[in-house]
Amino acid sequence: MLRQIAALPVRANADGTIDVFLVTSRGSGRWIIPKGWPMSGRSGAAAAAIEAMEEAGVLGVISEKPIGAFHYVKRFSHGNELCRVDVFSLRVVRQRES
């Protein structure tokens, strides 16, 4: 089974509401959380934080332990493979303008 990492970027507002930051996928245009492959020399949490910055333009404090996981079928040109995605919570501190 393949493994990926993801960040769930969230921000608590002064009025008690919570914002969840999502991005759209390039292929289908569906709303997703930022995810990617593990990075050599980086923890899963660190890699998830980098994915959140690259894909959603958010920076913040990442949880060191996953808050959960999900499975999906990853499509490749050579066929499909099951993939487990470990999800790390990211408390958004700053959002890039673009």
C-alpha atoms as a PDB file:
ATOM      1  CA  MET A   1       0.000   0.000   0.000  1.00  0.00           C
ATOM      2  CA  LEU A   2       1.251   3.459  -0.906  1.00  0.00           C
ATOM      3  CA  ARG A   3       1.420   6.230   1.689  1.00  0.00           C
ATOM      4  CA  GLN A   4       0.794   9.949   1.387  1.00  0.00           C
ATOM      5  CA  ILE A   5       0.579  12.800   3.876  1.00  0.00           C
ATOM      6  CA  ALA A   6      -1.934  15.645   4.082  1.00  0.00           C
ATOM      7  CA  ALA A   7      -2.605  18.784   6.073  1.00  0.00           C
ATOM      8  CA  LEU A   8      -6.010  19.898   7.312  1.00  0.00           C
ATOM      9  CA  PRO A   9      -5.527  23.678   7.582  1.00  0.00           C
ATOM     10  CA  VAL A  10      -7.892  25.312  10.094  1.00  0.00           C
ATOM     11  CA  ARG A  11      -8.219  28.761  11.667  1.00  0.00           C
ATOM     12  CA  ALA A  12     -10.239  29.723  14.739  1.00  0.00           C
ATOM     13  CA  ASN A  13     -11.931  33.118  14.465  1.00  0.00           C
ATOM     14  CA  ALA A  14     -12.673  35.588  17.248  1.00  0.00           C
ATOM     15  CA  ASP A  15     -16.425  34.912  16.936  1.00  0.00           C
ATOM     16  CA  GLY A  16     -15.953  31.195  17.669  1.00  0.00           C
ATOM     17  CA  THR A  17     -16.311  29.994  14.078  1.00  0.00           C
ATOM     18  CA  ILE A  18     -13.691  27.864  12.370  1.00  0.00           C
ATOM     19  CA  ASP A  19     -12.402  28.194   8.817  1.00  0.00           C
ATOM     20  CA  VAL A  20     -11.190  25.077   6.978  1.00  0.00           C
ATOM     21  CA  PHE A  21      -8.895  25.791   4.027  1.00  0.00           C
ATOM     22  CA  LEU A  22      -9.428  23.622   0.947  1.00  0.00           C
ATOM     23  CA  VAL A  23      -7.950  23.650  -2.543  1.00  0.00           C
ATOM     24  CA  THR A  24      -9.328  22.401  -5.839  1.00  0.00           C
ATOM     25  CA  SER A  25      -7.679  19.498  -7.597  1.00  0.00           C
ATOM     26  CA  ARG A  26      -6.107  20.185 -10.981  1.00  0.00           C
ATOM     27  CA  GLY A  27      -7.758  17.254 -12.699  1.00  0.00           C
ATOM     28  CA  SER A  28     -11.343  17.128 -11.467  1.00  0.00           C
ATOM     29  CA  GLY A  29     -11.752  20.528  -9.823  1.00  0.00           C
ATOM     30  CA  ARG A  30     -13.065  18.844  -6.651  1.00  0.00           C
ATOM     31  CA  TRP A  31     -12.412  20.368  -3.226  1.00  0.00           C
ATOM     32  CA  ILE A  32      -9.573  18.548  -1.440  1.00  0.00           C
ATOM     33  CA  ILE A  33      -7.111  19.015   1.392  1.00  0.00           C
ATOM     34  CA  PRO A  34      -3.448  19.611   0.464  1.00  0.00           C
ATOM     35  CA  LYS A  35      -1.633  16.276   0.203  1.00  0.00           C
ATOM     36  CA  GLY A  36       1.431  14.721  -1.329  1.00  0.00           C
ATOM     37  CA  TRP A  37       4.154  12.138  -1.019  1.00  0.00           C
ATOM     38  CA  PRO A  38       6.470  11.787   1.990  1.00  0.00           C
ATOM     39  CA  MET A  39       9.707  13.753   1.627  1.00  0.00           C
ATOM     40  CA  SER A  40      13.108  12.229   2.279  1.00  0.00           C
ATOM     41  CA  GLY A  41      14.680  13.612   5.443  1.00  0.00           C
ATOM     42  CA  ARG A  42      11.426  15.214   6.672  1.00  0.00           C
ATOM     43  CA  SER A  43       8.832  13.986   9.124  1.00  0.00           C
ATOM     44  CA  GLY A  44       5.296  13.369   7.907  1.00  0.00           C
ATOM     45  CA  ALA A  45       4.210  16.524   9.752  1.00  0.00           C
ATOM     46  CA  ALA A  46       6.915  18.664   8.136  1.00  0.00           C
ATOM     47  CA  ALA A  47       6.069  17.340   4.670  1.00  0.00           C
ATOM     48  CA  ALA A  48       2.356  18.020   5.261  1.00  0.00           C
ATOM     49  CA  ALA A  49       3.149  21.617   6.287  1.00  0.00           C
ATOM     50  CA  ILE A  50       5.139  22.112   3.071  1.00  0.00           C
ATOM     51  CA  GLU A  51       2.248  20.732   0.992  1.00  0.00           C
ATOM     52  CA  ALA A  52      -0.151  23.172   2.725  1.00  0.00           C
ATOM     53  CA  MET A  53       2.120  26.097   1.897  1.00  0.00           C
ATOM     54  CA  GLU A  54       2.674  25.016  -1.721  1.00  0.00           C
ATOM     55  CA  GLU A  55      -0.920  24.049  -2.539  1.00  0.00           C
ATOM     56  CA  ALA A  56      -3.028  26.318  -0.302  1.00  0.00           C
ATOM     57  CA  GLY A  57      -0.640  29.176   0.479  1.00  0.00           C
ATOM     58  CA  VAL A  58      -1.042  28.775   4.241  1.00  0.00           C
ATOM     59  CA  LEU A  59       1.587  28.729   6.967  1.00  0.00           C
ATOM     60  CA  GLY A  60       1.064  27.675  10.532  1.00  0.00           C
ATOM     61  CA  VAL A  61       1.683  25.252  13.352  1.00  0.00           C
ATOM     62  CA  ILE A  62       1.431  21.586  12.357  1.00  0.00           C
ATOM     63  CA  SER A  63       0.512  18.756  14.735  1.00  0.00           C
ATOM     64  CA  GLU A  64       3.331  16.242  15.161  1.00  0.00           C
ATOM     65  CA  LYS A  65       0.954  13.285  15.222  1.00  0.00           C
ATOM     66  CA  PRO A  66      -1.711  12.520  12.607  1.00  0.00           C
ATOM     67  CA  ILE A  67      -5.291  13.330  13.624  1.00  0.00           C
ATOM     68  CA  GLY A  68      -6.600  10.586  11.361  1.00  0.00           C
ATOM     69  CA  ALA A  69      -6.209   8.835   8.036  1.00  0.00           C
ATOM     70  CA  PHE A  70      -8.192   7.850   4.972  1.00  0.00           C
ATOM     71  CA  HIS A  71      -7.734   5.492   2.057  1.00  0.00           C
ATOM     72  CA  TYR A  72      -8.370   6.074  -1.624  1.00  0.00           C
ATOM     73  CA  VAL A  73      -7.525   4.491  -4.952  1.00  0.00           C
ATOM     74  CA  LYS A  74      -4.675   6.357  -6.668  1.00  0.00           C
ATOM     75  CA  ARG A  75      -4.858   6.161 -10.451  1.00  0.00           C
ATOM     76  CA  PHE A  76      -1.667   5.662 -12.440  1.00  0.00           C
ATOM     77  CA  SER A  77      -1.101   5.032 -16.140  1.00  0.00           C
ATOM     78  CA  HIS A  78       0.009   1.488 -15.239  1.00  0.00           C
ATOM     79  CA  GLY A  79      -3.063   0.820 -13.073  1.00  0.00           C
ATOM     80  CA  ASN A  80      -4.633   1.680  -9.738  1.00  0.00           C
ATOM     81  CA  GLU A  81      -3.141   1.288  -6.264  1.00  0.00           C
ATOM     82  CA  LEU A  82      -4.573   1.674  -2.780  1.00  0.00           C
ATOM     83  CA  CYS A  83      -3.122   4.645  -0.913  1.00  0.00           C
ATOM     84  CA  ARG A  84      -3.291   5.530   2.792  1.00  0.00           C
ATOM     85  CA  VAL A  85      -3.200   9.240   3.626  1.00  0.00           C
ATOM     86  CA  ASP A  86      -2.138  10.330   7.124  1.00  0.00           C
ATOM     87  CA  VAL A  87      -3.732  13.697   7.976  1.00  0.00           C
ATOM     88  CA  PHE A  88      -2.039  16.294  10.189  1.00  0.00           C
ATOM     89  CA  SER A  89      -3.855  19.302  11.638  1.00  0.00           C
ATOM     90  CA  LEU A  90      -2.369  22.688  10.709  1.00  0.00           C
ATOM     91  CA  ARG A  91      -3.354  25.749  12.760  1.00  0.00           C
ATOM     92  CA  VAL A  92      -3.138  28.538  10.187  1.00  0.00           C
ATOM     93  CA  VAL A  93      -1.170  31.578  11.297  1.00  0.00           C
ATOM     94  CA  ARG A  94      -0.777  33.307   7.945  1.00  0.00           C
ATOM     95  CA  GLN A  95      -2.211  33.078   4.451  1.00  0.00           C
ATOM     96  CA  ARG A  96      -0.159  34.172   1.448  1.00  0.00           C
ATOM     97  CA  GLU A  97      -1.763  36.731  -0.842  1.00  0.00           C
ATOM     98  CA  SER A  98      -1.285  34.573  -3.933  1.00  0.00           C
END
